[in-house]
C-alpha atoms as a PDB file:
ATOM      1  CA  UNK A   1      62.724  17.679 -20.594  1.00  0.00           C
ATOM      2  CA  UNK A   2      59.513  18.419 -22.917  1.00  0.00           C
ATOM      3  CA  UNK A   3      59.216  14.785 -23.556  1.00  0.00           C
ATOM      4  CA  UNK A   4      59.071  14.113 -19.679  1.00  0.00           C
ATOM      5  CA  UNK A   5      56.470  16.818 -19.219  1.00  0.00           C
ATOM      6  CA  UNK A   6      54.408  15.721 -21.980  1.00  0.00           C
ATOM      7  CA  UNK A   7      54.296  12.545 -20.319  1.00  0.00           C
ATOM      8  CA  UNK A   8      53.579  13.689 -16.939  1.00  0.00           C
ATOM      9  CA  UNK A   9      50.600  15.866 -18.258  1.00  0.00           C
ATOM     10  CA  UNK A  10      49.349  12.558 -20.021  1.00  0.00           C
ATOM     11  CA  UNK A  11      49.590  10.762 -16.798  1.00  0.00           C
ATOM     12  CA  UNK A  12      47.852  13.407 -14.783  1.00  0.00           C
ATOM     13  CA  UNK A  13      45.115  13.439 -17.167  1.00  0.00           C
ATOM     14  CA  UNK A  14      44.757   9.468 -17.020  1.00  0.00           C
ATOM     15  CA  UNK A  15      44.918   9.782 -13.383  1.00  0.00           C
ATOM     16  CA  UNK A  16      42.172  12.552 -13.324  1.00  0.00           C
ATOM     17  CA  UNK A  17      39.784  10.338 -15.579  1.00  0.00           C
ATOM     18  CA  UNK A  18      40.324   7.458 -13.101  1.00  0.00           C
ATOM     19  CA  UNK A  19      39.664   9.435 -10.289  1.00  0.00           C
ATOM     20  CA  UNK A  20      36.318  10.437 -11.705  1.00  0.00           C
ATOM     21  CA  UNK A  21      35.475   6.734 -12.752  1.00  0.00           C
ATOM     22  CA  UNK A  22      36.182   5.852  -9.091  1.00  0.00           C
ATOM     23  CA  UNK A  23      34.031   8.152  -7.766  1.00  0.00           C
ATOM     24  CA  UNK A  24      31.175   7.631 -10.225  1.00  0.00           C
ATOM     25  CA  UNK A  25      31.410   3.951  -9.212  1.00  0.00           C
ATOM     26  CA  UNK A  26      31.408   5.115  -5.331  1.00  0.00           C
ATOM     27  CA  UNK A  27      28.178   6.954  -6.064  1.00  0.00           C
ATOM     28  CA  UNK A  28      26.666   3.846  -7.795  1.00  0.00           C
ATOM     29  CA  UNK A  29      27.506   1.481  -5.024  1.00  0.00           C
ATOM     30  CA  UNK A  30      26.159   3.636  -2.498  1.00  0.00           C
ATOM     31  CA  UNK A  31      23.098   3.844  -4.504  1.00  0.00           C
ATOM     32  CA  UNK A  32      22.661   0.213  -4.897  1.00  0.00           C
ATOM     33  CA  UNK A  33      23.463  -0.180  -1.032  1.00  0.00           C
ATOM     34  CA  UNK A  34      20.391   2.302  -0.184  1.00  0.00           C
ATOM     35  CA  UNK A  35      18.029   0.748  -2.498  1.00  0.00           C
ATOM     36  CA  UNK A  36      15.803  -2.356  -1.666  1.00  0.00           C
ATOM     37  CA  UNK A  37      15.919  -5.563  -3.401  1.00  0.00           C
ATOM     38  CA  UNK A  38      12.782  -7.130  -4.496  1.00  0.00           C
ATOM     39  CA  UNK A  39      11.028  -9.523  -2.141  1.00  0.00           C
ATOM     40  CA  UNK A  40      11.186 -13.225  -3.034  1.00  0.00           C
ATOM     41  CA  UNK A  41       8.503 -14.224  -5.446  1.00  0.00           C
ATOM     42  CA  UNK A  42       5.765 -16.564  -4.396  1.00  0.00           C
ATOM     43  CA  UNK A  43       5.298 -19.439  -6.555  1.00  0.00           C
ATOM     44  CA  UNK A  44       1.585 -19.333  -6.668  1.00  0.00           C
ATOM     45  CA  UNK A  45       1.741 -15.787  -8.161  1.00  0.00           C
ATOM     46  CA  UNK A  46       0.693 -15.329 -11.824  1.00  0.00           C
ATOM     47  CA  UNK A  47       3.597 -14.197 -14.244  1.00  0.00           C
ATOM     48  CA  UNK A  48       3.779 -10.179 -14.663  1.00  0.00           C
ATOM     49  CA  UNK A  49       5.970 -10.166 -17.626  1.00  0.00           C
ATOM     50  CA  UNK A  50       4.454  -7.559 -20.128  1.00  0.00           C
ATOM     51  CA  UNK A  51       1.604  -6.526 -17.779  1.00  0.00           C
ATOM     52  CA  UNK A  52       1.484  -2.897 -17.352  1.00  0.00           C
ATOM     53  CA  UNK A  53       1.783  -1.590 -13.683  1.00  0.00           C
ATOM     54  CA  UNK A  54       4.387  -2.111 -10.934  1.00  0.00           C
ATOM     55  CA  UNK A  55       4.597  -3.929  -7.499  1.00  0.00           C
ATOM     56  CA  UNK A  56       4.123  -1.771  -4.453  1.00  0.00           C
ATOM     57  CA  UNK A  57       7.800  -1.771  -3.441  1.00  0.00           C
ATOM     58  CA  UNK A  58       8.873  -0.515  -6.665  1.00  0.00           C
ATOM     59  CA  UNK A  59       5.999   2.217  -6.728  1.00  0.00           C
ATOM     60  CA  UNK A  60       6.603   4.009  -3.345  1.00  0.00           C
ATOM     61  CA  UNK A  61       9.305   5.415  -1.384  1.00  0.00           C
ATOM     62  CA  UNK A  62       9.338   5.813   2.450  1.00  0.00           C
ATOM     63  CA  UNK A  63       8.335   9.514   3.267  1.00  0.00           C
ATOM     64  CA  UNK A  64      11.462  11.627   4.489  1.00  0.00           C
ATOM     65  CA  UNK A  65      10.178  12.137   7.977  1.00  0.00           C
ATOM     66  CA  UNK A  66      10.020   8.471   8.602  1.00  0.00           C
ATOM     67  CA  UNK A  67      12.917   7.054  10.914  1.00  0.00           C
ATOM     68  CA  UNK A  68      14.758   4.102   9.761  1.00  0.00           C
ATOM     69  CA  UNK A  69      13.569   1.787  12.352  1.00  0.00           C
ATOM     70  CA  UNK A  70       9.881   2.591  11.535  1.00  0.00           C
ATOM     71  CA  UNK A  71      10.664   2.110   7.831  1.00  0.00           C
ATOM     72  CA  UNK A  72      11.938  -1.101   8.494  1.00  0.00           C
ATOM     73  CA  UNK A  73       9.023  -2.467  10.845  1.00  0.00           C
ATOM     74  CA  UNK A  74       6.463  -0.999   8.280  1.00  0.00           C
ATOM     75  CA  UNK A  75       8.497  -2.861   5.322  1.00  0.00           C
ATOM     76  CA  UNK A  76       8.156  -5.897   7.561  1.00  0.00           C
ATOM     77  CA  UNK A  77       4.442  -5.379   8.085  1.00  0.00           C
ATOM     78  CA  UNK A  78       3.647  -5.007   4.259  1.00  0.00           C
ATOM     79  CA  UNK A  79       5.743  -8.077   3.471  1.00  0.00           C
ATOM     80  CA  UNK A  80       4.218 -10.378   6.273  1.00  0.00           C
ATOM     81  CA  UNK A  81       0.860  -9.197   4.856  1.00  0.00           C
ATOM     82  CA  UNK A  82       1.538  -9.627   1.164  1.00  0.00           C
ATOM     83  CA  UNK A  83       1.232  -6.221   0.367  1.00  0.00           C
ATOM     84  CA  UNK A  84       4.862  -5.298  -0.378  1.00  0.00           C
ATOM     85  CA  UNK A  85       4.740  -7.014  -3.520  1.00  0.00           C
ATOM     86  CA  UNK A  86       1.000  -6.218  -4.251  1.00  0.00           C
ATOM     87  CA  UNK A  87       0.649  -5.395  -7.948  1.00  0.00           C
ATOM     88  CA  UNK A  88      -0.743  -1.821  -8.853  1.00  0.00           C
ATOM     89  CA  UNK A  89      -2.488  -1.632 -12.029  1.00  0.00           C
ATOM     90  CA  UNK A  90      -2.565   1.495 -14.083  1.00  0.00           C
ATOM     91  CA  UNK A  91      -6.399   0.540 -14.872  1.00  0.00           C
ATOM     92  CA  UNK A  92      -7.176  -0.993 -11.509  1.00  0.00           C
ATOM     93  CA  UNK A  93      -7.711  -4.165 -12.811  1.00  0.00           C
ATOM     94  CA  UNK A  94      -7.433  -7.200 -10.938  1.00  0.00           C
ATOM     95  CA  UNK A  95      -5.402 -10.742 -12.070  1.00  0.00           C
ATOM     96  CA  UNK A  96      -6.224 -14.009 -11.135  1.00  0.00           C
ATOM     97  CA  UNK A  97      -3.501 -15.707  -9.257  1.00  0.00           C
ATOM     98  CA  UNK A  98      -1.961 -12.324  -7.936  1.00  0.00           C
ATOM     99  CA  UNK A  99      -2.322 -10.003  -5.130  1.00  0.00           C
ATOM    100  CA  UNK A 100      -3.440  -6.420  -6.545  1.00  0.00           C
ATOM    101  CA  UNK A 101      -4.153  -3.452  -4.675  1.00  0.00           C
ATOM    102  CA  UNK A 102      -7.441  -1.973  -5.352  1.00  0.00           C
ATOM    103  CA  UNK A 103      -8.874   1.279  -4.401  1.00  0.00           C
ATOM    104  CA  UNK A 104     -11.113   1.727  -1.385  1.00  0.00           C
ATOM    105  CA  UNK A 105     -12.621   4.678   0.195  1.00  0.00           C
ATOM    106  CA  UNK A 106      -9.792   7.118   1.707  1.00  0.00           C
ATOM    107  CA  UNK A 107      -9.492   6.362   5.161  1.00  0.00           C
ATOM    108  CA  UNK A 108     -10.157   9.235   7.360  1.00  0.00           C
ATOM    109  CA  UNK A 109      -7.138   9.759   9.506  1.00  0.00           C
ATOM    110  CA  UNK A 110      -3.619   8.354   9.269  1.00  0.00           C
ATOM    111  CA  UNK A 111      -2.832   6.209   6.205  1.00  0.00           C
ATOM    112  CA  UNK A 112      -0.262   4.461   4.205  1.00  0.00           C
ATOM    113  CA  UNK A 113      -0.057   7.919   2.156  1.00  0.00           C
ATOM    114  CA  UNK A 114       1.265   9.406   5.249  1.00  0.00           C
ATOM    115  CA  UNK A 115       4.599   7.208   5.231  1.00  0.00           C
ATOM    116  CA  UNK A 116       4.865   6.195   1.589  1.00  0.00           C
ATOM    117  CA  UNK A 117       4.916   8.506  -1.272  1.00  0.00           C
ATOM    118  CA  UNK A 118       4.811   7.690  -4.973  1.00  0.00           C
ATOM    119  CA  UNK A 119       8.178   7.095  -6.593  1.00  0.00           C
ATOM    120  CA  UNK A 120       8.636   9.737  -9.397  1.00  0.00           C
ATOM    121  CA  UNK A 121       9.870   6.978 -11.695  1.00  0.00           C
ATOM    122  CA  UNK A 122       7.052   4.349 -11.045  1.00  0.00           C
ATOM    123  CA  UNK A 123       5.262   3.483 -14.306  1.00  0.00           C
ATOM    124  CA  UNK A 124       1.746   4.251 -12.614  1.00  0.00           C
ATOM    125  CA  UNK A 125       0.252   7.387 -12.226  1.00  0.00           C
ATOM    126  CA  UNK A 126       1.285   8.973  -8.870  1.00  0.00           C
ATOM    127  CA  UNK A 127      -2.102  10.173  -7.892  1.00  0.00           C
ATOM    128  CA  UNK A 128      -3.539   6.630  -8.179  1.00  0.00           C
ATOM    129  CA  UNK A 129      -0.829   5.533  -5.967  1.00  0.00           C
ATOM    130  CA  UNK A 130      -1.565   8.254  -3.653  1.00  0.00           C
ATOM    131  CA  UNK A 131      -5.342   7.126  -3.724  1.00  0.00           C
ATOM    132  CA  UNK A 132      -4.368   3.602  -3.238  1.00  0.00           C
ATOM    133  CA  UNK A 133      -1.961   4.491  -0.165  1.00  0.00           C
ATOM    134  CA  UNK A 134      -4.731   6.833   1.404  1.00  0.00           C
ATOM    135  CA  UNK A 135      -7.197   3.602   1.487  1.00  0.00           C
ATOM    136  CA  UNK A 136      -5.010   1.577   3.802  1.00  0.00           C
ATOM    137  CA  UNK A 137      -5.076   2.785   7.348  1.00  0.00           C
ATOM    138  CA  UNK A 138      -1.984   3.468   9.449  1.00  0.00           C
ATOM    139  CA  UNK A 139      -2.311   2.187  12.968  1.00  0.00           C
ATOM    140  CA  UNK A 140      -0.772   3.802  15.938  1.00  0.00           C
ATOM    141  CA  UNK A 141       1.079   1.305  18.725  1.00  0.00           C
ATOM    142  CA  UNK A 142      -1.328  -0.645  20.222  1.00  0.00           C
ATOM    143  CA  UNK A 143      -4.418   0.285  17.860  1.00  0.00           C
ATOM    144  CA  UNK A 144      -6.762  -2.378  16.116  1.00  0.00           C
ATOM    145  CA  UNK A 145      -8.588  -1.657  12.874  1.00  0.00           C
ATOM    146  CA  UNK A 146     -12.144  -1.666  12.452  1.00  0.00           C
ATOM    147  CA  UNK A 147     -13.641  -5.124  11.271  1.00  0.00           C
ATOM    148  CA  UNK A 148     -12.812  -5.598   7.482  1.00  0.00           C
ATOM    149  CA  UNK A 149     -10.529  -2.889   7.329  1.00  0.00           C
ATOM    150  CA  UNK A 150      -6.989  -3.108   5.960  1.00  0.00           C
ATOM    151  CA  UNK A 151      -4.657  -1.288   8.242  1.00  0.00           C
ATOM    152  CA  UNK A 152      -0.663  -1.694   9.008  1.00  0.00           C
ATOM    153  CA  UNK A 153       1.654   0.087  11.615  1.00  0.00           C
ATOM    154  CA  UNK A 154       5.111   1.438  11.813  1.00  0.00           C
ATOM    155  CA  UNK A 155       5.569  -0.889  14.654  1.00  0.00           C
ATOM    156  CA  UNK A 156       5.219  -3.670  12.310  1.00  0.00           C
ATOM    157  CA  UNK A 157       1.664  -4.897  12.909  1.00  0.00           C
ATOM    158  CA  UNK A 158      -0.695  -5.775   9.889  1.00  0.00           C
ATOM    159  CA  UNK A 159      -4.335  -6.402   9.465  1.00  0.00           C
ATOM    160  CA  UNK A 160      -5.696  -7.422   6.216  1.00  0.00           C
ATOM    161  CA  UNK A 161      -9.224  -8.668   7.479  1.00  0.00           C
ATOM    162  CA  UNK A 162     -10.831  -8.893  10.956  1.00  0.00           C
END
């Protein structure tokens, strides 16, 4: 009887460990499904291996108040405009053969900083990311930017130059 009790206790320990392992895997799968996959790399873009910084998609998250459909359209606008994969350099340097986000004066009014927030794990200073985002105007549906002003909208519109 003692031998049976011992084997039962061992089996219960193994079962408990396997259940914890399954819960951990379920959590990882859930996080992976929520994460975004990188956009397809353009052939013309300069290599980024070893370069300091990060692409926009890796450096930001959607603001918590943004509705999923708005986030989807905003992501589409950024992708169509070539900004989703734009490089953010910690020093602001531009690289030939690549799209780089550069500092511009902060837009007075709604900006990308209202709908995107710096990711806490990004290899770029969150304050710099915020300043970059604040320089891109956030359009309201049907609104158009001023000539020469970069702007995107949660309705999927994007303007880089007028």
